Full PDB file with SEQRES, HELIX, SHEET, SSBOND, CRYST1, ORIGX, SCALE, CONECT and MASTER records, all heavy atoms in Angstrom:
SEQRES   1 A   32  SER ARG GLU GLN THR GLU LEU VAL ILE VAL VAL THR PRO          
SEQRES   2 A   32  LEU LEU VAL ARG PRO VAL ARG ASN ILE ALA GLN LEU GLN          
SEQRES   3 A   32  ILE PRO ALA ASP GLY TYR                                      
HELIX    1 AA1 ILE A   22  GLN A   24  5                                   3    
CRYST1    1.000    1.000    1.000  90.00  90.00  90.00 P 1           1          
ORIGX1      1.000000  0.000000  0.000000        0.00000                         
ORIGX2      0.000000  1.000000  0.000000        0.00000                         
ORIGX3      0.000000  0.000000  1.000000        0.00000                         
SCALE1      1.000000  0.000000  0.000000        0.00000                         
SCALE2      0.000000  1.000000  0.000000        0.00000                         
SCALE3      0.000000  0.000000  1.000000        0.00000                         
ATOM      1  N   SER A   1      82.991 181.050 146.445  1.00  0.00           N  
ATOM      2  CA  SER A   1      82.440 180.238 145.359  1.00  0.00           C  
ATOM      3  C   SER A   1      80.940 180.080 145.558  1.00  0.00           C  
ATOM      4  O   SER A   1      80.434 180.041 146.675  1.00  0.00           O  
ATOM      5  CB  SER A   1      83.119 178.870 145.300  1.00  0.00           C  
ATOM      6  OG  SER A   1      82.829 178.124 146.453  1.00  0.00           O  
ATOM      7  N   ARG A   2      80.250 179.988 144.429  1.00  0.00           N  
ATOM      8  CA  ARG A   2      78.810 179.779 144.428  1.00  0.00           C  
ATOM      9  C   ARG A   2      78.529 178.633 143.465  1.00  0.00           C  
ATOM     10  O   ARG A   2      78.991 178.634 142.333  1.00  0.00           O  
ATOM     11  CB  ARG A   2      78.071 181.030 143.978  1.00  0.00           C  
ATOM     12  CG  ARG A   2      76.566 180.781 143.776  1.00  0.00           C  
ATOM     13  CD  ARG A   2      75.833 182.020 143.435  1.00  0.00           C  
ATOM     14  NE  ARG A   2      75.714 182.770 144.682  1.00  0.00           N  
ATOM     15  CZ  ARG A   2      75.232 183.995 144.766  1.00  0.00           C  
ATOM     16  NH1 ARG A   2      74.859 184.621 143.678  1.00  0.00           N  
ATOM     17  NH2 ARG A   2      75.137 184.592 145.924  1.00  0.00           N  
ATOM     18  N   GLU A   3      77.764 177.669 143.939  1.00  0.00           N  
ATOM     19  CA  GLU A   3      77.414 176.513 143.116  1.00  0.00           C  
ATOM     20  C   GLU A   3      75.901 176.415 143.040  1.00  0.00           C  
ATOM     21  O   GLU A   3      75.207 176.445 144.053  1.00  0.00           O  
ATOM     22  CB  GLU A   3      77.984 175.242 143.746  1.00  0.00           C  
ATOM     23  CG  GLU A   3      77.722 174.004 142.958  1.00  0.00           C  
ATOM     24  CD  GLU A   3      78.355 172.787 143.596  1.00  0.00           C  
ATOM     25  OE1 GLU A   3      79.412 172.904 144.222  1.00  0.00           O  
ATOM     26  OE2 GLU A   3      77.754 171.713 143.471  1.00  0.00           O  
ATOM     27  N   GLN A   4      75.398 176.303 141.816  1.00  0.00           N  
ATOM     28  CA  GLN A   4      73.965 176.173 141.609  1.00  0.00           C  
ATOM     29  C   GLN A   4      73.695 174.844 140.911  1.00  0.00           C  
ATOM     30  O   GLN A   4      74.344 174.516 139.926  1.00  0.00           O  
ATOM     31  CB  GLN A   4      73.411 177.318 140.760  1.00  0.00           C  
ATOM     32  CG  GLN A   4      73.438 178.646 141.462  1.00  0.00           C  
ATOM     33  CD  GLN A   4      72.813 179.748 140.629  1.00  0.00           C  
ATOM     34  OE1 GLN A   4      72.775 179.664 139.414  1.00  0.00           O  
ATOM     35  NE2 GLN A   4      72.320 180.773 141.298  1.00  0.00           N  
ATOM     36  N   THR A   5      72.749 174.102 141.450  1.00  0.00           N  
ATOM     37  CA  THR A   5      72.362 172.818 140.902  1.00  0.00           C  
ATOM     38  C   THR A   5      70.874 172.852 140.601  1.00  0.00           C  
ATOM     39  O   THR A   5      70.084 173.290 141.430  1.00  0.00           O  
ATOM     40  CB  THR A   5      72.659 171.689 141.911  1.00  0.00           C  
ATOM     41  OG1 THR A   5      74.027 171.757 142.284  1.00  0.00           O  
ATOM     42  CG2 THR A   5      72.376 170.338 141.306  1.00  0.00           C  
ATOM     43  N   GLU A   6      70.528 172.397 139.415  1.00  0.00           N  
ATOM     44  CA  GLU A   6      69.128 172.386 139.017  1.00  0.00           C  
ATOM     45  C   GLU A   6      68.726 170.965 138.658  1.00  0.00           C  
ATOM     46  O   GLU A   6      69.426 170.275 137.925  1.00  0.00           O  
ATOM     47  CB  GLU A   6      68.921 173.302 137.813  1.00  0.00           C  
ATOM     48  CG  GLU A   6      67.485 173.425 137.391  1.00  0.00           C  
ATOM     49  CD  GLU A   6      67.301 174.445 136.276  1.00  0.00           C  
ATOM     50  OE1 GLU A   6      68.289 175.050 135.853  1.00  0.00           O  
ATOM     51  OE2 GLU A   6      66.165 174.620 135.843  1.00  0.00           O  
ATOM     52  N   LEU A   7      67.609 170.517 139.190  1.00  0.00           N  
ATOM     53  CA  LEU A   7      67.073 169.197 138.898  1.00  0.00           C  
ATOM     54  C   LEU A   7      65.929 169.353 137.913  1.00  0.00           C  
ATOM     55  O   LEU A   7      64.967 170.072 138.161  1.00  0.00           O  
ATOM     56  CB  LEU A   7      66.574 168.515 140.171  1.00  0.00           C  
ATOM     57  CG  LEU A   7      65.880 167.173 139.985  1.00  0.00           C  
ATOM     58  CD1 LEU A   7      66.856 166.141 139.436  1.00  0.00           C  
ATOM     59  CD2 LEU A   7      65.278 166.715 141.292  1.00  0.00           C  
ATOM     60  N   VAL A   8      66.063 168.672 136.782  1.00  0.00           N  
ATOM     61  CA  VAL A   8      65.033 168.715 135.751  1.00  0.00           C  
ATOM     62  C   VAL A   8      64.511 167.296 135.555  1.00  0.00           C  
ATOM     63  O   VAL A   8      65.284 166.364 135.369  1.00  0.00           O  
ATOM     64  CB  VAL A   8      65.594 169.254 134.416  1.00  0.00           C  
ATOM     65  CG1 VAL A   8      64.544 169.223 133.327  1.00  0.00           C  
ATOM     66  CG2 VAL A   8      66.132 170.650 134.610  1.00  0.00           C  
ATOM     67  N   ILE A   9      63.213 167.128 135.623  1.00  0.00           N  
ATOM     68  CA  ILE A   9      62.589 165.831 135.408  1.00  0.00           C  
ATOM     69  C   ILE A   9      61.861 165.882 134.076  1.00  0.00           C  
ATOM     70  O   ILE A   9      61.006 166.733 133.859  1.00  0.00           O  
ATOM     71  CB  ILE A   9      61.615 165.500 136.558  1.00  0.00           C  
ATOM     72  CG1 ILE A   9      62.375 165.434 137.873  1.00  0.00           C  
ATOM     73  CG2 ILE A   9      60.883 164.202 136.265  1.00  0.00           C  
ATOM     74  CD1 ILE A   9      61.500 165.250 139.077  1.00  0.00           C  
ATOM     75  N   VAL A  10      62.219 164.964 133.180  1.00  0.00           N  
ATOM     76  CA  VAL A  10      61.621 164.907 131.856  1.00  0.00           C  
ATOM     77  C   VAL A  10      60.717 163.682 131.811  1.00  0.00           C  
ATOM     78  O   VAL A  10      61.136 162.573 132.132  1.00  0.00           O  
ATOM     79  CB  VAL A  10      62.706 164.809 130.762  1.00  0.00           C  
ATOM     80  CG1 VAL A  10      62.072 164.704 129.391  1.00  0.00           C  
ATOM     81  CG2 VAL A  10      63.634 166.009 130.844  1.00  0.00           C  
ATOM     82  N   VAL A  11      59.481 163.882 131.418  1.00  0.00           N  
ATOM     83  CA  VAL A  11      58.504 162.800 131.338  1.00  0.00           C  
ATOM     84  C   VAL A  11      58.158 162.583 129.869  1.00  0.00           C  
ATOM     85  O   VAL A  11      57.832 163.528 129.156  1.00  0.00           O  
ATOM     86  CB  VAL A  11      57.232 163.151 132.141  1.00  0.00           C  
ATOM     87  CG1 VAL A  11      56.188 162.072 131.994  1.00  0.00           C  
ATOM     88  CG2 VAL A  11      57.579 163.394 133.598  1.00  0.00           C  
ATOM     89  N   THR A  12      58.259 161.334 129.442  1.00  0.00           N  
ATOM     90  CA  THR A  12      57.892 160.983 128.084  1.00  0.00           C  
ATOM     91  C   THR A  12      56.629 160.140 128.134  1.00  0.00           C  
ATOM     92  O   THR A  12      56.647 159.031 128.662  1.00  0.00           O  
ATOM     93  CB  THR A  12      59.024 160.190 127.405  1.00  0.00           C  
ATOM     94  OG1 THR A  12      60.221 160.952 127.466  1.00  0.00           O  
ATOM     95  CG2 THR A  12      58.671 159.883 125.964  1.00  0.00           C  
ATOM     96  N   PRO A  13      55.523 160.654 127.614  1.00  0.00           N  
ATOM     97  CA  PRO A  13      54.286 159.856 127.638  1.00  0.00           C  
ATOM     98  C   PRO A  13      54.365 158.721 126.618  1.00  0.00           C  
ATOM     99  O   PRO A  13      54.975 158.855 125.564  1.00  0.00           O  
ATOM    100  CB  PRO A  13      53.204 160.858 127.268  1.00  0.00           C  
ATOM    101  CG  PRO A  13      53.917 161.905 126.489  1.00  0.00           C  
ATOM    102  CD  PRO A  13      55.316 161.956 127.020  1.00  0.00           C  
ATOM    103  N   LEU A  14      53.757 157.614 126.964  1.00  0.00           N  
ATOM    104  CA  LEU A  14      53.703 156.457 126.079  1.00  0.00           C  
ATOM    105  C   LEU A  14      52.239 156.072 125.922  1.00  0.00           C  
ATOM    106  O   LEU A  14      51.570 155.729 126.892  1.00  0.00           O  
ATOM    107  CB  LEU A  14      54.507 155.297 126.675  1.00  0.00           C  
ATOM    108  CG  LEU A  14      54.505 153.999 125.892  1.00  0.00           C  
ATOM    109  CD1 LEU A  14      55.209 154.194 124.548  1.00  0.00           C  
ATOM    110  CD2 LEU A  14      55.206 152.918 126.691  1.00  0.00           C  
ATOM    111  N   LEU A  15      51.749 156.186 124.708  1.00  0.00           N  
ATOM    112  CA  LEU A  15      50.357 155.852 124.442  1.00  0.00           C  
ATOM    113  C   LEU A  15      50.257 154.370 124.108  1.00  0.00           C  
ATOM    114  O   LEU A  15      51.031 153.845 123.313  1.00  0.00           O  
ATOM    115  CB  LEU A  15      49.821 156.683 123.276  1.00  0.00           C  
ATOM    116  CG  LEU A  15      49.872 158.195 123.481  1.00  0.00           C  
ATOM    117  CD1 LEU A  15      49.397 158.910 122.232  1.00  0.00           C  
ATOM    118  CD2 LEU A  15      49.049 158.600 124.686  1.00  0.00           C  
ATOM    119  N   VAL A  16      49.305 153.695 124.729  1.00  0.00           N  
ATOM    120  CA  VAL A  16      49.132 152.271 124.518  1.00  0.00           C  
ATOM    121  C   VAL A  16      47.714 151.997 124.036  1.00  0.00           C  
ATOM    122  O   VAL A  16      46.810 152.808 124.233  1.00  0.00           O  
ATOM    123  CB  VAL A  16      49.414 151.460 125.804  1.00  0.00           C  
ATOM    124  CG1 VAL A  16      50.858 151.621 126.222  1.00  0.00           C  
ATOM    125  CG2 VAL A  16      48.498 151.894 126.922  1.00  0.00           C  
ATOM    126  N   ARG A  17      47.530 150.841 123.423  1.00  0.00           N  
ATOM    127  CA  ARG A  17      46.201 150.443 122.990  1.00  0.00           C  
ATOM    128  C   ARG A  17      45.445 149.830 124.166  1.00  0.00           C  
ATOM    129  O   ARG A  17      46.022 149.071 124.941  1.00  0.00           O  
ATOM    130  CB  ARG A  17      46.296 149.416 121.879  1.00  0.00           C  
ATOM    131  CG  ARG A  17      46.797 149.989 120.561  1.00  0.00           C  
ATOM    132  CD  ARG A  17      46.998 148.867 119.574  1.00  0.00           C  
ATOM    133  NE  ARG A  17      48.112 148.094 120.144  1.00  0.00           N  
ATOM    134  CZ  ARG A  17      48.271 146.785 120.056  1.00  0.00           C  
ATOM    135  NH1 ARG A  17      47.447 146.052 119.429  1.00  0.00           N  
ATOM    136  NH2 ARG A  17      49.278 146.169 120.582  1.00  0.00           N  
ATOM    137  N   PRO A  18      44.165 150.109 124.297  1.00  0.00           N  
ATOM    138  CA  PRO A  18      43.398 149.461 125.368  1.00  0.00           C  
ATOM    139  C   PRO A  18      43.177 147.983 125.038  1.00  0.00           C  
ATOM    140  O   PRO A  18      43.163 147.589 123.874  1.00  0.00           O  
ATOM    141  CB  PRO A  18      42.087 150.231 125.379  1.00  0.00           C  
ATOM    142  CG  PRO A  18      41.994 150.849 124.039  1.00  0.00           C  
ATOM    143  CD  PRO A  18      43.394 151.074 123.552  1.00  0.00           C  
ATOM    144  N   VAL A  19      43.021 147.183 126.077  1.00  0.00           N  
ATOM    145  CA  VAL A  19      42.757 145.759 125.876  1.00  0.00           C  
ATOM    146  C   VAL A  19      41.311 145.465 126.240  1.00  0.00           C  
ATOM    147  O   VAL A  19      40.719 146.132 127.088  1.00  0.00           O  
ATOM    148  CB  VAL A  19      43.702 144.886 126.726  1.00  0.00           C  
ATOM    149  CG1 VAL A  19      45.127 145.044 126.273  1.00  0.00           C  
ATOM    150  CG2 VAL A  19      43.581 145.206 128.195  1.00  0.00           C  
ATOM    151  N   ARG A  20      40.757 144.479 125.579  1.00  0.00           N  
ATOM    152  CA  ARG A  20      39.373 144.103 125.858  1.00  0.00           C  
ATOM    153  C   ARG A  20      39.288 143.196 127.080  1.00  0.00           C  
ATOM    154  O   ARG A  20      38.339 143.237 127.829  1.00  0.00           O  
ATOM    155  CB  ARG A  20      38.759 143.399 124.655  1.00  0.00           C  
ATOM    156  CG  ARG A  20      38.632 144.292 123.453  1.00  0.00           C  
ATOM    157  CD  ARG A  20      37.984 143.531 122.303  1.00  0.00           C  
ATOM    158  NE  ARG A  20      38.063 144.291 121.069  1.00  0.00           N  
ATOM    159  CZ  ARG A  20      37.153 145.150 120.670  1.00  0.00           C  
ATOM    160  NH1 ARG A  20      36.106 145.369 121.421  1.00  0.00           N  
ATOM    161  NH2 ARG A  20      37.298 145.800 119.542  1.00  0.00           N  
ATOM    162  N   ASN A  21      40.279 142.352 127.262  1.00  0.00           N  
ATOM    163  CA  ASN A  21      40.261 141.375 128.341  1.00  0.00           C  
ATOM    164  C   ASN A  21      41.423 141.680 129.295  1.00  0.00           C  
ATOM    165  O   ASN A  21      42.573 141.753 128.871  1.00  0.00           O  
ATOM    166  CB  ASN A  21      40.395 139.958 127.770  1.00  0.00           C  
ATOM    167  CG  ASN A  21      40.255 138.897 128.831  1.00  0.00           C  
ATOM    168  OD1 ASN A  21      40.037 139.202 130.001  1.00  0.00           O  
ATOM    169  ND2 ASN A  21      40.373 137.655 128.406  1.00  0.00           N  
ATOM    170  N   ILE A  22      41.129 141.842 130.562  1.00  0.00           N  
ATOM    171  CA  ILE A  22      42.173 142.176 131.538  1.00  0.00           C  
ATOM    172  C   ILE A  22      43.191 141.050 131.678  1.00  0.00           C  
ATOM    173  O   ILE A  22      44.326 141.276 132.086  1.00  0.00           O  
ATOM    174  CB  ILE A  22      41.542 142.543 132.898  1.00  0.00           C  
ATOM    175  CG1 ILE A  22      42.562 143.215 133.824  1.00  0.00           C  
ATOM    176  CG2 ILE A  22      41.012 141.336 133.602  1.00  0.00           C  
ATOM    177  CD1 ILE A  22      42.502 144.665 133.816  1.00  0.00           C  
ATOM    178  N   ALA A  23      42.821 139.819 131.309  1.00  0.00           N  
ATOM    179  CA  ALA A  23      43.740 138.684 131.402  1.00  0.00           C  
ATOM    180  C   ALA A  23      44.867 138.791 130.380  1.00  0.00           C  
ATOM    181  O   ALA A  23      45.870 138.096 130.491  1.00  0.00           O  
ATOM    182  CB  ALA A  23      42.980 137.379 131.221  1.00  0.00           C  
ATOM    183  N   GLN A  24      44.719 139.650 129.369  1.00  0.00           N  
ATOM    184  CA  GLN A  24      45.773 139.834 128.368  1.00  0.00           C  
ATOM    185  C   GLN A  24      46.954 140.628 128.912  1.00  0.00           C  
ATOM    186  O   GLN A  24      48.035 140.580 128.342  1.00  0.00           O  
ATOM    187  CB  GLN A  24      45.218 140.559 127.143  1.00  0.00           C  
ATOM    188  CG  GLN A  24      44.225 139.757 126.339  1.00  0.00           C  
ATOM    189  CD  GLN A  24      43.672 140.590 125.197  1.00  0.00           C  
ATOM    190  OE1 GLN A  24      43.483 141.798 125.336  1.00  0.00           O  
ATOM    191  NE2 GLN A  24      43.415 139.933 124.076  1.00  0.00           N  
ATOM    192  N   LEU A  25      46.759 141.356 129.982  1.00  0.00           N  
ATOM    193  CA  LEU A  25      47.828 142.172 130.534  1.00  0.00           C  
ATOM    194  C   LEU A  25      48.837 141.296 131.265  1.00  0.00           C  
ATOM    195  O   LEU A  25      48.472 140.380 131.990  1.00  0.00           O  
ATOM    196  CB  LEU A  25      47.265 143.220 131.499  1.00  0.00           C  
ATOM    197  CG  LEU A  25      46.316 144.234 130.885  1.00  0.00           C  
ATOM    198  CD1 LEU A  25      45.780 145.158 131.961  1.00  0.00           C  
ATOM    199  CD2 LEU A  25      47.025 145.039 129.822  1.00  0.00           C  
ATOM    200  N   GLN A  26      50.107 141.574 131.049  1.00  0.00           N  
ATOM    201  CA  GLN A  26      51.179 140.833 131.693  1.00  0.00           C  
ATOM    202  C   GLN A  26      52.233 141.797 132.175  1.00  0.00           C  
ATOM    203  O   GLN A  26      52.412 142.882 131.614  1.00  0.00           O  
ATOM    204  CB  GLN A  26      51.819 139.849 130.730  1.00  0.00           C  
ATOM    205  CG  GLN A  26      50.924 138.736 130.286  1.00  0.00           C  
ATOM    206  CD  GLN A  26      51.650 137.790 129.342  1.00  0.00           C  
ATOM    207  OE1 GLN A  26      52.791 138.029 128.981  1.00  0.00           O  
ATOM    208  NE2 GLN A  26      50.985 136.729 128.944  1.00  0.00           N  
ATOM    209  N   ILE A  27      52.945 141.390 133.199  1.00  0.00           N  
ATOM    210  CA  ILE A  27      54.114 142.137 133.652  1.00  0.00           C  
ATOM    211  C   ILE A  27      55.342 141.295 133.351  1.00  0.00           C  
ATOM    212  O   ILE A  27      55.231 140.085 133.127  1.00  0.00           O  
ATOM    213  CB  ILE A  27      54.019 142.486 135.157  1.00  0.00           C  
ATOM    214  CG1 ILE A  27      53.961 141.230 136.009  1.00  0.00           C  
ATOM    215  CG2 ILE A  27      52.821 143.375 135.434  1.00  0.00           C  
ATOM    216  CD1 ILE A  27      54.069 141.510 137.493  1.00  0.00           C  
ATOM    217  N   PRO A  28      56.530 141.882 133.315  1.00  0.00           N  
ATOM    218  CA  PRO A  28      57.720 141.116 132.949  1.00  0.00           C  
ATOM    219  C   PRO A  28      58.003 139.927 133.867  1.00  0.00           C  
ATOM    220  O   PRO A  28      58.623 138.968 133.450  1.00  0.00           O  
ATOM    221  CB  PRO A  28      58.842 142.151 133.038  1.00  0.00           C  
ATOM    222  CG  PRO A  28      58.174 143.442 132.809  1.00  0.00           C  
ATOM    223  CD  PRO A  28      56.809 143.304 133.412  1.00  0.00           C  
ATOM    224  N   ALA A  29      57.546 139.957 135.106  1.00  0.00           N  
ATOM    225  CA  ALA A  29      57.847 138.870 136.035  1.00  0.00           C  
ATOM    226  C   ALA A  29      56.823 137.744 135.990  1.00  0.00           C  
ATOM    227  O   ALA A  29      56.969 136.771 136.728  1.00  0.00           O  
ATOM    228  CB  ALA A  29      57.943 139.421 137.456  1.00  0.00           C  
ATOM    229  N   ASP A  30      55.805 137.834 135.150  1.00  0.00           N  
ATOM    230  CA  ASP A  30      54.829 136.753 135.040  1.00  0.00           C  
ATOM    231  C   ASP A  30      55.516 135.488 134.550  1.00  0.00           C  
ATOM    232  O   ASP A  30      56.230 135.497 133.559  1.00  0.00           O  
ATOM    233  CB  ASP A  30      53.698 137.121 134.086  1.00  0.00           C  
ATOM    234  CG  ASP A  30      52.692 138.061 134.705  1.00  0.00           C  
ATOM    235  OD1 ASP A  30      52.750 138.244 135.936  1.00  0.00           O  
ATOM    236  OD2 ASP A  30      51.852 138.604 133.970  1.00  0.00           O  
ATOM    237  N   GLY A  31      55.303 134.389 135.239  1.00  0.00           N  
ATOM    238  CA  GLY A  31      55.882 133.116 134.839  1.00  0.00           C  
ATOM    239  C   GLY A  31      57.318 132.918 135.281  1.00  0.00           C  
ATOM    240  O   GLY A  31      57.924 131.901 134.969  1.00  0.00           O  
ATOM    241  N   TYR A  32      57.894 133.848 135.997  1.00  0.00           N  
ATOM    242  CA  TYR A  32      59.278 133.716 136.443  1.00  0.00           C  
ATOM    243  C   TYR A  32      59.359 132.773 137.628  1.00  0.00           C  
ATOM    244  O   TYR A  32      58.591 132.871 138.574  1.00  0.00           O  
ATOM    245  CB  TYR A  32      59.843 135.081 136.836  1.00  0.00           C  
ATOM    246  CG  TYR A  32      61.217 134.995 137.463  1.00  0.00           C  
ATOM    247  CD1 TYR A  32      62.319 134.685 136.690  1.00  0.00           C  
ATOM    248  CD2 TYR A  32      61.398 135.220 138.817  1.00  0.00           C  
ATOM    249  CE1 TYR A  32      63.568 134.597 137.249  1.00  0.00           C  
ATOM    250  CE2 TYR A  32      62.639 135.133 139.390  1.00  0.00           C  
ATOM    251  CZ  TYR A  32      63.724 134.825 138.602  1.00  0.00           C  
ATOM    252  OH  TYR A  32      64.965 134.732 139.166  1.00  0.00           O  
TER     253      TYR A  32                                                      
MASTER        0    0    0    1    0    0    0    6  252    1    0    3          
END                                                                             
């Protein structure tokens, strides 16, 4: 028997708007 395994990594780019003030950026754990 011969077994072949292939690993494929798919990257989806996400374009975001730039912010003027760095204080506007938040992570999900802020305030937790």
